[in-house]
């Protein structure tokens, strides 16, 4: 199989989700994963799920806390 990024129809916009990119460029988030976490992701991927590494939010940026509102049930 020959993969040529120059002829890819979604080059640029689709690079971040490309399997070839993932094989050859290890993002820093994955380098911090433990072997058990990597194995869990591999198991999910083999089962057909699409596991995604999400960025941990920057703790230095203050976040507005969420306000929990009770579920309203309209009784007719």
N, C-alpha and C. Protein backbone atom coordinates (compact mmCIF):
# COMPACT_ATOMS: atom_id res chain seq x y z
N UNK A 1 0.84 -1.17 0.00
CA UNK A 1 0.00 0.00 0.00
C UNK A 1 0.89 1.24 0.00
N UNK A 2 0.56 2.18 -0.84
CA UNK A 2 1.30 3.43 -0.90
C UNK A 2 0.37 4.55 -0.46
N UNK A 3 0.81 5.30 0.52
CA UNK A 3 0.04 6.44 0.99
C UNK A 3 0.77 7.70 0.56
N UNK A 4 0.08 8.54 -0.19
CA UNK A 4 0.68 9.78 -0.69
C UNK A 4 -0.15 10.95 -0.18
N UNK A 5 0.37 11.65 0.81
CA UNK A 5 -0.35 12.78 1.38
C UNK A 5 -0.59 13.89 0.36
N UNK A 6 0.27 13.98 -0.66
CA UNK A 6 0.12 15.02 -1.67
C UNK A 6 -1.16 14.86 -2.49
N UNK A 7 -1.69 13.64 -2.57
CA UNK A 7 -2.90 13.40 -3.35
C UNK A 7 -4.14 13.22 -2.48
N UNK A 8 -4.01 13.41 -1.18
CA UNK A 8 -5.13 13.22 -0.26
C UNK A 8 -6.19 14.30 -0.47
N UNK A 9 -7.44 13.88 -0.57
CA UNK A 9 -8.55 14.81 -0.81
C UNK A 9 -8.83 15.72 0.38
N UNK A 10 -8.48 15.28 1.58
CA UNK A 10 -8.76 16.09 2.78
C UNK A 10 -7.47 16.57 3.46
N UNK A 11 -6.41 16.68 2.68
CA UNK A 11 -5.13 17.12 3.23
C UNK A 11 -5.29 18.51 3.85
N UNK A 12 -4.72 18.65 5.01
CA UNK A 12 -4.81 19.92 5.73
C UNK A 12 -5.93 19.89 6.74
N UNK A 13 -7.17 19.76 6.26
CA UNK A 13 -8.31 19.75 7.18
C UNK A 13 -8.48 18.41 7.88
N UNK A 14 -8.04 17.33 7.26
CA UNK A 14 -8.23 16.01 7.84
C UNK A 14 -6.99 15.40 8.45
N UNK A 15 -5.89 16.12 8.43
CA UNK A 15 -4.62 15.56 8.92
C UNK A 15 -4.67 15.16 10.39
N UNK A 16 -5.33 15.94 11.21
CA UNK A 16 -5.34 15.65 12.65
C UNK A 16 -6.00 14.31 12.96
N UNK A 17 -6.98 13.89 12.16
CA UNK A 17 -7.66 12.64 12.41
C UNK A 17 -7.18 11.49 11.55
N UNK A 18 -6.12 11.71 10.80
CA UNK A 18 -5.61 10.69 9.88
C UNK A 18 -4.86 9.59 10.61
N UNK A 19 -5.12 8.35 10.24
CA UNK A 19 -4.43 7.22 10.87
C UNK A 19 -2.94 7.22 10.53
N UNK A 20 -2.58 7.64 9.35
CA UNK A 20 -1.16 7.69 8.97
C UNK A 20 -0.43 8.71 9.83
N UNK A 21 -1.05 9.84 10.04
CA UNK A 21 -0.46 10.87 10.90
C UNK A 21 -0.27 10.31 12.31
N UNK A 22 -1.25 9.58 12.80
CA UNK A 22 -1.16 9.01 14.14
C UNK A 22 -0.05 7.98 14.25
N UNK A 23 0.20 7.24 13.18
CA UNK A 23 1.25 6.22 13.21
C UNK A 23 2.65 6.82 13.27
N UNK A 24 2.84 7.94 12.62
CA UNK A 24 4.19 8.49 12.51
C UNK A 24 4.46 9.70 13.40
N UNK A 25 3.44 10.28 13.99
CA UNK A 25 3.62 11.45 14.85
C UNK A 25 2.90 11.20 16.17
N UNK A 26 3.65 10.91 17.20
CA UNK A 26 3.06 10.65 18.51
C UNK A 26 2.84 11.97 19.22
N UNK A 27 1.57 12.33 19.48
CA UNK A 27 1.33 13.58 20.19
C UNK A 27 1.80 13.49 21.64
N UNK A 28 2.16 14.61 22.24
CA UNK A 28 2.66 14.59 23.62
C UNK A 28 1.66 14.01 24.61
N UNK A 29 0.36 14.12 24.32
CA UNK A 29 -0.65 13.58 25.23
C UNK A 29 -0.51 12.07 25.36
N UNK A 30 -0.18 11.40 24.26
CA UNK A 30 -0.06 9.94 24.28
C UNK A 30 1.22 9.52 24.98
N UNK A 31 2.26 10.32 24.86
CA UNK A 31 3.52 9.97 25.52
C UNK A 31 3.36 9.91 27.03
N UNK A 32 2.38 10.61 27.57
CA UNK A 32 2.15 10.62 29.02
C UNK A 32 1.25 9.49 29.49
N UNK A 33 0.66 8.72 28.56
CA UNK A 33 -0.23 7.64 28.95
C UNK A 33 0.56 6.47 29.52
N UNK A 34 -0.06 5.78 30.48
CA UNK A 34 0.56 4.59 31.05
C UNK A 34 0.33 3.42 30.10
N UNK A 35 1.10 2.34 30.22
CA UNK A 35 0.87 1.16 29.38
C UNK A 35 -0.55 0.61 29.53
N UNK A 36 -1.12 0.66 30.73
CA UNK A 36 -2.49 0.18 30.92
C UNK A 36 -3.50 1.05 30.16
N UNK A 37 -3.29 2.36 30.16
CA UNK A 37 -4.18 3.25 29.43
C UNK A 37 -4.08 3.02 27.92
N UNK A 38 -2.88 2.82 27.43
CA UNK A 38 -2.68 2.54 26.00
C UNK A 38 -3.37 1.24 25.62
N UNK A 39 -3.24 0.22 26.47
CA UNK A 39 -3.89 -1.06 26.19
C UNK A 39 -5.41 -0.90 26.18
N UNK A 40 -5.96 -0.11 27.10
CA UNK A 40 -7.41 0.11 27.13
C UNK A 40 -7.89 0.78 25.85
N UNK A 41 -7.13 1.75 25.37
CA UNK A 41 -7.49 2.43 24.12
C UNK A 41 -7.44 1.46 22.95
N UNK A 42 -6.42 0.60 22.92
CA UNK A 42 -6.31 -0.39 21.85
C UNK A 42 -7.48 -1.37 21.87
N UNK A 43 -7.91 -1.79 23.05
CA UNK A 43 -9.05 -2.71 23.17
C UNK A 43 -10.31 -2.03 22.63
N UNK A 44 -10.53 -0.78 22.99
CA UNK A 44 -11.71 -0.06 22.50
C UNK A 44 -11.65 0.10 20.98
N UNK A 45 -10.48 0.40 20.45
CA UNK A 45 -10.34 0.56 18.99
C UNK A 45 -10.61 -0.75 18.27
N UNK A 46 -10.11 -1.87 18.81
CA UNK A 46 -10.35 -3.17 18.17
C UNK A 46 -11.82 -3.56 18.24
N UNK A 47 -12.54 -3.05 19.25
CA UNK A 47 -13.97 -3.36 19.38
C UNK A 47 -14.82 -2.50 18.45
N UNK A 48 -14.18 -1.59 17.72
CA UNK A 48 -14.92 -0.77 16.77
C UNK A 48 -15.23 0.63 17.28
N UNK A 49 -14.86 0.92 18.51
CA UNK A 49 -15.08 2.27 19.03
C UNK A 49 -13.95 3.17 18.56
N UNK A 50 -14.20 4.43 18.54
CA UNK A 50 -13.19 5.38 18.08
C UNK A 50 -12.71 6.20 19.27
N UNK A 51 -11.78 5.63 20.04
CA UNK A 51 -11.31 6.38 21.21
C UNK A 51 -10.54 7.62 20.78
N UNK A 52 -10.75 8.67 21.53
CA UNK A 52 -10.10 9.93 21.19
C UNK A 52 -9.46 10.50 22.44
N UNK A 53 -8.25 10.96 22.30
CA UNK A 53 -7.56 11.61 23.40
C UNK A 53 -8.01 13.06 23.41
N UNK A 54 -8.61 13.49 24.50
CA UNK A 54 -9.04 14.88 24.59
C UNK A 54 -8.07 15.64 25.47
N UNK A 55 -7.90 16.88 25.16
CA UNK A 55 -6.97 17.69 25.93
C UNK A 55 -7.53 17.95 27.32
N UNK A 56 -6.64 17.95 28.28
CA UNK A 56 -7.02 18.31 29.64
C UNK A 56 -7.12 19.83 29.68
N UNK A 57 -8.23 20.36 30.22
CA UNK A 57 -8.37 21.81 30.23
C UNK A 57 -7.27 22.48 31.06
N UNK A 58 -6.90 23.66 30.65
CA UNK A 58 -5.87 24.43 31.34
C UNK A 58 -6.44 24.90 32.67
N UNK A 59 -5.84 24.44 33.76
CA UNK A 59 -6.33 24.76 35.10
C UNK A 59 -6.04 26.21 35.49
N UNK A 60 -5.15 26.87 34.78
CA UNK A 60 -4.82 28.26 35.12
C UNK A 60 -5.90 29.24 34.65
N UNK A 61 -6.78 28.78 33.76
CA UNK A 61 -7.86 29.63 33.27
C UNK A 61 -9.08 29.41 34.15
N UNK A 62 -9.57 30.47 34.82
CA UNK A 62 -10.75 30.28 35.68
C UNK A 62 -11.98 29.91 34.86
N UNK A 63 -12.74 28.97 35.38
CA UNK A 63 -13.96 28.53 34.71
C UNK A 63 -15.16 28.87 35.56
N UNK A 64 -16.22 29.27 34.92
CA UNK A 64 -17.46 29.53 35.64
C UNK A 64 -18.09 28.19 36.01
N UNK A 65 -18.39 27.98 37.30
CA UNK A 65 -18.99 26.70 37.68
C UNK A 65 -20.38 26.54 37.08
N UNK A 66 -20.73 25.30 36.79
CA UNK A 66 -22.05 25.01 36.25
C UNK A 66 -23.08 25.08 37.37
N UNK A 67 -24.27 25.54 37.03
CA UNK A 67 -25.35 25.59 38.01
C UNK A 67 -26.32 24.47 37.67
N UNK A 68 -26.53 23.58 38.61
CA UNK A 68 -27.44 22.47 38.39
C UNK A 68 -28.87 22.93 38.60
N UNK A 69 -29.71 22.64 37.65
CA UNK A 69 -31.12 23.03 37.71
C UNK A 69 -31.94 21.76 37.73
N UNK A 70 -32.90 21.65 38.66
CA UNK A 70 -33.71 20.43 38.71
C UNK A 70 -34.51 20.24 37.42
N UNK A 71 -34.69 18.99 37.06
CA UNK A 71 -35.46 18.63 35.88
C UNK A 71 -36.92 19.00 36.11
N UNK A 72 -37.49 19.74 35.18
CA UNK A 72 -38.90 20.13 35.32
C UNK A 72 -39.77 19.09 34.65
N UNK A 73 -40.75 18.67 35.35
CA UNK A 73 -41.68 17.69 34.80
C UNK A 73 -43.06 18.32 34.75
N UNK A 74 -43.52 18.53 33.55
CA UNK A 74 -44.86 19.09 33.38
C UNK A 74 -45.87 17.96 33.47
N UNK A 75 -46.75 18.07 34.43
CA UNK A 75 -47.77 17.05 34.61
C UNK A 75 -49.07 17.61 34.07
N UNK A 76 -49.63 16.92 33.12
CA UNK A 76 -50.87 17.41 32.50
C UNK A 76 -52.05 16.67 33.03
